[in-house]
């Protein structure tokens, strides 16, 4: 049975991925043409192939917009766009924003699967995943093209809580590895430590090993792009309960100071940034993938650093600054965010 599933998958890959005609698929698999056609039909029934019919006019426009963004922002190697919902611009309209987030998660999931399973890869995939609801959403949308026993998945930072938390980076790394029958490694340490604690914890063998792999071996990064504030339904600006606040090691006033004095507009796994630099509250450090290393990865043509964000006007500054700082080289966002990126310039 396993052999039959393998040959059906191979028929689908040859036809839909490599573009071979059914006659050529049949010759490659040494079967008759009707048998090859049957395999392709079975591949659809078994879920190996997903075909979506797109509005050609709308899809073409999104494609043109994707190209325009990569031309305007040279640090972006690729842009992947979804449609938008105008009501998502209304403060507190969570349903519209969730709908856009689901579309972005689906597009990001497809791109991640392609990057991990592509036969053109020169090295085994090693993935780093961020924490948060969006990354959980992306992973839940992934439909693996094939098992990847050689896959390694690492979290982008350590633990924030002593109990199970659905959006924890360690848990999400484990889930992504499970989907592909791959391997995962935790960072068994607090995500946020004091400056005095940091060198001691980093030198612990159980912590040093995954941190070393995270910095050295990762070739695909999957992260969301957050921002310090959220605008609620009443139009009020409220501080988000993000990584540093959840850790209990940083007070809300310290985050407000980053926003008011330093101009922080974005956050990735606890690291804040403005249009020019990475900024952190004094006295604490994060155990995970550093922004400096992330920038190096994003500048490497053989590595993909995917940022997923959009459908929320509050996040626009975080998206634009992440591009300007070279923190990502692949952007998954929506039409309205993309159009604003073009209008307001690089």
Protein backbone atom coordinates (compact mmCIF):
# COMPACT_ATOMS: atom_id res chain seq x y z
CA UNK A 1 0.00 0.00 0.00
CA UNK A 2 2.84 2.39 0.87
CA UNK A 3 4.44 1.76 -2.56
CA UNK A 4 1.18 2.59 -4.29
CA UNK A 5 0.83 5.85 -2.37
CA UNK A 6 4.41 6.72 -3.30
CA UNK A 7 3.87 6.18 -7.01
CA UNK A 8 0.64 8.22 -6.94
CA UNK A 9 2.46 11.06 -5.21
CA UNK A 10 5.33 10.83 -7.71
CA UNK A 11 2.89 11.00 -10.63
CA UNK A 12 1.34 14.15 -9.16
CA UNK A 13 4.75 15.70 -8.53
CA UNK A 14 5.96 15.03 -12.07
CA UNK A 15 2.79 16.43 -13.64
CA UNK A 16 1.95 19.41 -11.42
CA UNK A 17 5.39 20.40 -10.09
CA UNK A 18 7.72 19.56 -12.99
CA UNK A 19 5.13 20.18 -15.72
CA UNK A 20 5.43 16.81 -17.51
CA UNK A 21 2.59 15.77 -19.80
CA UNK A 22 0.63 12.62 -18.98
CA UNK A 23 2.45 10.67 -21.71
CA UNK A 24 5.80 11.66 -20.20
CA UNK A 25 4.60 10.77 -16.70
CA UNK A 26 3.55 7.36 -17.95
CA UNK A 27 6.95 6.78 -19.59
CA UNK A 28 8.81 7.95 -16.47
CA UNK A 29 6.80 5.60 -14.23
CA UNK A 30 6.76 2.79 -16.83
CA UNK A 31 2.99 2.51 -16.82
CA UNK A 32 0.30 2.99 -19.47
CA UNK A 33 -1.15 6.43 -20.18
CA UNK A 34 -4.59 5.49 -18.74
CA UNK A 35 -2.87 4.29 -15.57
CA UNK A 36 -0.97 7.58 -15.27
CA UNK A 37 -4.24 9.51 -15.75
CA UNK A 38 -5.84 7.37 -13.04
CA UNK A 39 -2.95 8.10 -10.68
CA UNK A 40 -3.39 11.85 -11.21
CA UNK A 41 -7.13 11.60 -10.52
CA UNK A 42 -6.40 9.60 -7.36
CA UNK A 43 -3.84 12.18 -6.25
CA UNK A 44 -6.59 14.81 -6.22
CA UNK A 45 -8.98 12.51 -4.34
CA UNK A 46 -6.30 11.67 -1.75
CA UNK A 47 -5.52 15.34 -1.09
CA UNK A 48 -2.03 15.35 -2.63
CA UNK A 49 -3.10 18.09 -5.04
CA UNK A 50 -5.09 21.23 -4.24
CA UNK A 51 -6.37 23.25 -7.20
CA UNK A 52 -7.83 26.72 -6.69
CA UNK A 53 -9.65 28.74 -9.34
CA UNK A 54 -8.70 32.41 -9.04
CA UNK A 55 -10.29 35.47 -10.56
CA UNK A 56 -7.77 36.15 -13.37
CA UNK A 57 -8.16 39.92 -13.17
CA UNK A 58 -7.77 40.08 -9.38
CA UNK A 59 -4.97 37.53 -9.32
CA UNK A 60 -3.06 39.34 -12.05
CA UNK A 61 -3.36 42.61 -10.13
CA UNK A 62 -2.03 41.01 -6.94
CA UNK A 63 0.83 39.52 -8.93
CA UNK A 64 1.72 42.93 -10.38
CA UNK A 65 1.61 44.41 -6.89
CA UNK A 66 3.94 41.66 -5.60
CA UNK A 67 6.47 42.52 -8.31
CA UNK A 68 6.15 46.27 -7.64
CA UNK A 69 6.91 45.75 -3.95
CA UNK A 70 10.04 43.70 -4.61
CA UNK A 71 11.23 46.45 -6.95
CA UNK A 72 10.54 49.19 -4.40
CA UNK A 73 12.02 47.25 -1.48
CA UNK A 74 15.14 45.47 -2.81
CA UNK A 75 15.68 43.59 0.46
CA UNK A 76 12.49 41.64 -0.22
CA UNK A 77 13.21 38.61 -2.35
CA UNK A 78 9.56 37.63 -2.54
CA UNK A 79 6.14 39.05 -1.66
CA UNK A 80 3.04 36.87 -1.31
CA UNK A 81 -0.27 38.73 -1.21
CA UNK A 82 -3.83 37.91 -0.24
CA UNK A 83 -7.01 39.87 -0.70
CA UNK A 84 -8.12 42.38 1.95
CA UNK A 85 -11.35 43.33 3.67
CA UNK A 86 -11.99 47.09 3.98
CA UNK A 87 -13.73 46.57 7.32
CA UNK A 88 -10.41 45.34 8.75
CA UNK A 89 -9.40 49.03 8.83
CA UNK A 90 -12.09 49.67 11.43
CA UNK A 91 -10.72 49.51 14.99
CA UNK A 92 -11.97 46.49 16.87
CA UNK A 93 -13.37 44.68 13.80
CA UNK A 94 -11.86 41.35 14.83
CA UNK A 95 -13.90 39.12 12.50
CA UNK A 96 -12.57 40.86 9.38
CA UNK A 97 -9.00 40.75 10.66
CA UNK A 98 -9.27 37.06 11.51
CA UNK A 99 -10.53 36.35 7.98
CA UNK A 100 -7.55 38.14 6.46
CA UNK A 101 -5.21 36.40 8.92
CA UNK A 102 -6.59 33.01 7.85
CA UNK A 103 -5.93 33.81 4.19
CA UNK A 104 -2.39 34.94 4.97
CA UNK A 105 -1.81 31.81 7.06
CA UNK A 106 -2.96 29.63 4.19
CA UNK A 107 -0.66 31.35 1.69
CA UNK A 108 2.27 31.25 4.11
CA UNK A 109 1.63 27.56 4.82
CA UNK A 110 1.80 26.73 1.13
CA UNK A 111 5.05 28.61 0.72
CA UNK A 112 6.62 26.96 3.76
CA UNK A 113 5.65 23.52 2.47
CA UNK A 114 7.18 24.27 -0.92
CA UNK A 115 10.43 25.54 0.61
CA UNK A 116 10.76 22.50 2.85
CA UNK A 117 9.79 19.80 0.35
CA UNK A 118 11.31 21.16 -2.87
CA UNK A 119 13.48 18.60 -4.60
CA UNK A 120 15.81 21.43 -5.54
CA UNK A 121 17.02 21.91 -1.98
CA UNK A 122 20.78 21.54 -1.63
CA UNK A 123 20.67 20.83 2.10
CA UNK A 124 18.24 19.35 4.66
CA UNK A 125 15.70 21.92 5.91
CA UNK A 126 16.35 23.41 9.36
CA UNK A 127 13.51 25.68 10.45
CA UNK A 128 13.16 28.23 13.25
CA UNK A 129 9.63 29.18 14.28
CA UNK A 130 8.46 32.14 16.33
CA UNK A 131 5.77 32.10 18.98
CA UNK A 132 2.26 33.49 18.71
CA UNK A 133 -1.22 32.96 17.31
CA UNK A 134 -0.31 33.74 13.70
CA UNK A 135 2.45 31.12 13.59
CA UNK A 136 0.08 28.60 15.14
CA UNK A 137 -2.42 29.50 12.41
CA UNK A 138 0.18 28.99 9.66
CA UNK A 139 1.19 25.58 11.01
CA UNK A 140 -2.45 24.48 11.27
CA UNK A 141 -2.89 25.33 7.57
CA UNK A 142 0.10 23.28 6.41
CA UNK A 143 -0.76 20.22 4.31
CA UNK A 144 2.57 18.43 3.89
CA UNK A 145 3.44 17.33 0.36
CA UNK A 146 5.54 14.49 1.72
CA UNK A 147 7.17 13.30 4.95
CA UNK A 148 10.50 14.90 5.84
CA UNK A 149 12.35 12.64 8.29
CA UNK A 150 15.47 14.80 7.78
CA UNK A 151 13.66 17.99 8.89
CA UNK A 152 14.85 19.77 12.04
CA UNK A 153 12.71 22.40 13.76
CA UNK A 154 13.83 24.80 16.49
CA UNK A 155 11.99 27.49 18.47
CA UNK A 156 13.15 31.08 18.03
CA UNK A 157 13.28 31.58 21.80
CA UNK A 158 12.90 29.79 25.12
CA UNK A 159 9.88 29.34 27.37
CA UNK A 160 7.69 32.11 28.77
CA UNK A 161 5.53 29.99 31.05
CA UNK A 162 6.04 26.98 33.28
CA UNK A 163 2.81 25.37 32.04
CA UNK A 164 1.60 24.42 28.58
CA UNK A 165 0.77 27.40 26.38
CA UNK A 166 -0.71 26.90 22.88
CA UNK A 167 1.34 29.65 21.23
CA UNK A 168 4.70 28.82 22.81
CA UNK A 169 7.56 28.61 20.29
CA UNK A 170 8.79 25.29 21.70
CA UNK A 171 5.34 23.72 21.32
CA UNK A 172 4.92 25.09 17.79
CA UNK A 173 8.34 23.71 16.81
CA UNK A 174 7.28 20.30 18.06
CA UNK A 175 3.99 20.50 16.14
CA UNK A 176 5.64 21.46 12.85
CA UNK A 177 8.10 18.59 13.20
CA UNK A 178 5.25 16.17 13.96
CA UNK A 179 3.36 17.18 10.80
CA UNK A 180 6.35 16.22 8.64
CA UNK A 181 7.52 13.24 10.74
CA UNK A 182 10.69 15.24 11.39
CA UNK A 183 12.75 16.19 14.43
CA UNK A 184 12.58 19.05 16.88
CA UNK A 185 14.69 20.47 19.66
CA UNK A 186 13.57 22.67 22.52
CA UNK A 187 15.36 25.55 24.19
CA UNK A 188 14.88 24.38 27.80
CA UNK A 189 15.34 27.79 29.41
CA UNK A 190 13.41 30.99 30.15
CA UNK A 191 12.93 33.25 27.14
CA UNK A 192 13.74 36.36 29.19
CA UNK A 193 16.59 36.53 31.70
CA UNK A 194 18.45 39.29 33.48
CA UNK A 195 21.79 40.49 32.14
CA UNK A 196 23.47 38.75 35.09
CA UNK A 197 21.69 35.43 34.49
CA UNK A 198 22.25 35.39 30.72
CA UNK A 199 25.89 34.16 30.51
CA UNK A 200 25.26 31.44 33.11
CA UNK A 201 22.15 30.08 31.36
CA UNK A 202 23.65 30.32 27.86
CA UNK A 203 26.63 28.20 28.89
CA UNK A 204 24.50 25.34 30.20
CA UNK A 205 25.03 22.42 27.75
CA UNK A 206 21.29 21.74 27.32
CA UNK A 207 20.78 25.37 26.37
CA UNK A 208 24.00 26.04 24.47
CA UNK A 209 23.40 23.18 22.00
CA UNK A 210 20.03 24.35 20.58
CA UNK A 211 21.12 28.00 20.68
CA UNK A 212 24.16 27.05 18.61
CA UNK A 213 22.03 25.23 16.05
CA UNK A 214 19.61 28.16 15.96
CA UNK A 215 22.36 30.59 15.07
CA UNK A 216 24.40 28.28 12.83
CA UNK A 217 22.20 25.82 10.95
CA UNK A 218 18.78 27.41 10.31
CA UNK A 219 17.92 28.01 6.65
CA UNK A 220 14.18 28.86 6.97
CA UNK A 221 12.71 31.25 9.55
CA UNK A 222 8.96 31.67 10.07
CA UNK A 223 7.90 34.66 12.16
CA UNK A 224 5.05 37.07 12.62
CA UNK A 225 5.54 40.84 12.91
CA UNK A 226 3.82 42.44 15.88
CA UNK A 227 3.60 45.97 17.27
CA UNK A 228 3.51 47.48 20.77
CA UNK A 229 -0.09 48.73 20.67
CA UNK A 230 -3.54 47.67 19.57
CA UNK A 231 -6.43 50.03 18.81
CA UNK A 232 -9.62 48.72 20.44
CA UNK A 233 -13.23 49.15 19.32
CA UNK A 234 -13.48 52.43 21.23
CA UNK A 235 -10.52 53.83 19.30
CA UNK A 236 -8.26 53.69 22.36
CA UNK A 237 -4.61 52.67 22.08
CA UNK A 238 -3.83 49.81 24.46
CA UNK A 239 -0.48 48.14 25.14
CA UNK A 240 -0.34 44.60 23.78
CA UNK A 241 0.49 41.81 26.22
CA UNK A 242 3.53 40.56 24.34
CA UNK A 243 6.61 38.48 25.06
CA UNK A 244 8.37 40.75 27.55
CA UNK A 245 5.22 41.54 29.50
CA UNK A 246 4.17 37.89 29.60
CA UNK A 247 7.56 36.94 31.01
CA UNK A 248 6.94 39.01 34.12
CA UNK A 249 10.53 40.32 33.93
CA UNK A 250 9.67 43.68 32.33
CA UNK A 251 7.15 46.28 33.49
CA UNK A 252 4.64 47.93 31.18
CA UNK A 253 6.25 51.33 31.79
CA UNK A 254 9.51 50.06 30.29
CA UNK A 255 7.68 49.10 27.07
CA UNK A 256 5.94 52.48 26.96
CA UNK A 257 9.34 54.09 27.31
CA UNK A 258 10.56 52.16 24.25
CA UNK A 259 7.63 53.51 22.28
CA UNK A 260 7.72 57.13 23.47
CA UNK A 261 11.47 57.71 23.69
CA UNK A 262 12.88 55.22 21.20
CA UNK A 263 10.03 55.12 18.67
CA UNK A 264 9.52 51.34 18.81
CA UNK A 265 7.04 50.31 16.11
CA UNK A 266 7.58 46.53 15.84
CA UNK A 267 8.34 43.40 17.84
CA UNK A 268 9.62 39.94 16.93
CA UNK A 269 9.78 37.39 19.75
CA UNK A 270 10.45 40.04 22.39
CA UNK A 271 12.95 42.12 20.40
CA UNK A 272 11.59 45.59 19.67
CA UNK A 273 12.69 47.75 16.76
CA UNK A 274 12.12 51.11 15.12
CA UNK A 275 12.92 52.21 11.58
CA UNK A 276 16.64 52.36 12.27
CA UNK A 277 17.67 49.83 14.93
CA UNK A 278 16.82 47.07 17.39
CA UNK A 279 15.98 48.35 20.88
CA UNK A 280 15.56 46.57 24.21
CA UNK A 281 14.73 47.61 27.79
CA UNK A 282 17.87 47.77 29.93
CA UNK A 283 18.76 44.93 32.24
CA UNK A 284 17.18 41.99 30.38
CA UNK A 285 18.23 39.68 27.56
CA UNK A 286 16.41 37.13 25.40
CA UNK A 287 17.56 33.55 24.81
CA UNK A 288 16.91 32.81 21.18
CA UNK A 289 17.61 33.91 17.63
CA UNK A 290 19.10 37.40 17.79
CA UNK A 291 17.91 40.12 15.37
CA UNK A 292 21.50 40.61 14.18
CA UNK A 293 21.70 36.96 13.16
CA UNK A 294 18.24 37.18 11.61
CA UNK A 295 19.42 40.09 9.48
CA UNK A 296 22.43 38.04 8.32
CA UNK A 297 20.14 35.19 7.37
CA UNK A 298 17.79 37.50 5.48
CA UNK A 299 20.77 38.82 3.49
CA UNK A 300 21.84 35.28 2.56
CA UNK A 301 20.43 34.22 -0.84
CA UNK A 302 20.25 30.60 0.33
CA UNK A 303 18.08 31.33 3.39
CA UNK A 304 14.46 32.38 3.65
CA UNK A 305 13.21 34.59 6.49
CA UNK A 306 9.42 34.75 6.19
CA UNK A 307 7.46 37.51 7.92
CA UNK A 308 3.67 37.16 8.11
CA UNK A 309 1.62 40.23 9.04
CA UNK A 310 -1.24 42.34 7.73
CA UNK A 311 -4.96 42.97 7.88
CA UNK A 312 -4.35 45.36 10.78
CA UNK A 313 -3.40 49.06 10.35
CA UNK A 314 -1.63 49.02 13.73
CA UNK A 315 0.98 46.63 12.31
CA UNK A 316 1.88 48.69 9.25
CA UNK A 317 4.85 50.41 10.93
CA UNK A 318 6.13 47.03 12.12
CA UNK A 319 5.98 45.59 8.60
CA UNK A 320 7.69 48.55 6.94
CA UNK A 321 10.42 48.81 9.57
CA UNK A 322 11.13 45.06 9.40
CA UNK A 323 11.68 45.41 5.65
CA UNK A 324 13.87 48.51 6.05
CA UNK A 325 16.02 46.81 8.69
CA UNK A 326 16.42 43.69 6.57
CA UNK A 327 14.83 41.46 9.21
CA UNK A 328 12.89 39.50 6.55
CA UNK A 329 13.34 38.67 2.88
CA UNK A 330 9.90 37.12 2.25
CA UNK A 331 6.72 39.02 3.15
CA UNK A 332 3.25 37.51 3.37
CA UNK A 333 0.65 40.26 3.72
CA UNK A 334 -2.65 41.57 2.34
CA UNK A 335 -3.52 43.93 -0.49
CA UNK A 336 -4.27 47.00 1.66
CA UNK A 337 -0.99 46.75 3.55
CA UNK A 338 0.90 46.21 0.30
CA UNK A 339 -0.74 49.20 -1.36
CA UNK A 340 0.14 51.38 1.61
CA UNK A 341 3.74 50.17 1.49
CA UNK A 342 3.93 51.32 -2.11
CA UNK A 343 2.27 54.67 -1.43
CA UNK A 344 4.41 55.59 1.58
CA UNK A 345 7.66 54.51 0.04
CA UNK A 346 10.73 52.71 1.25
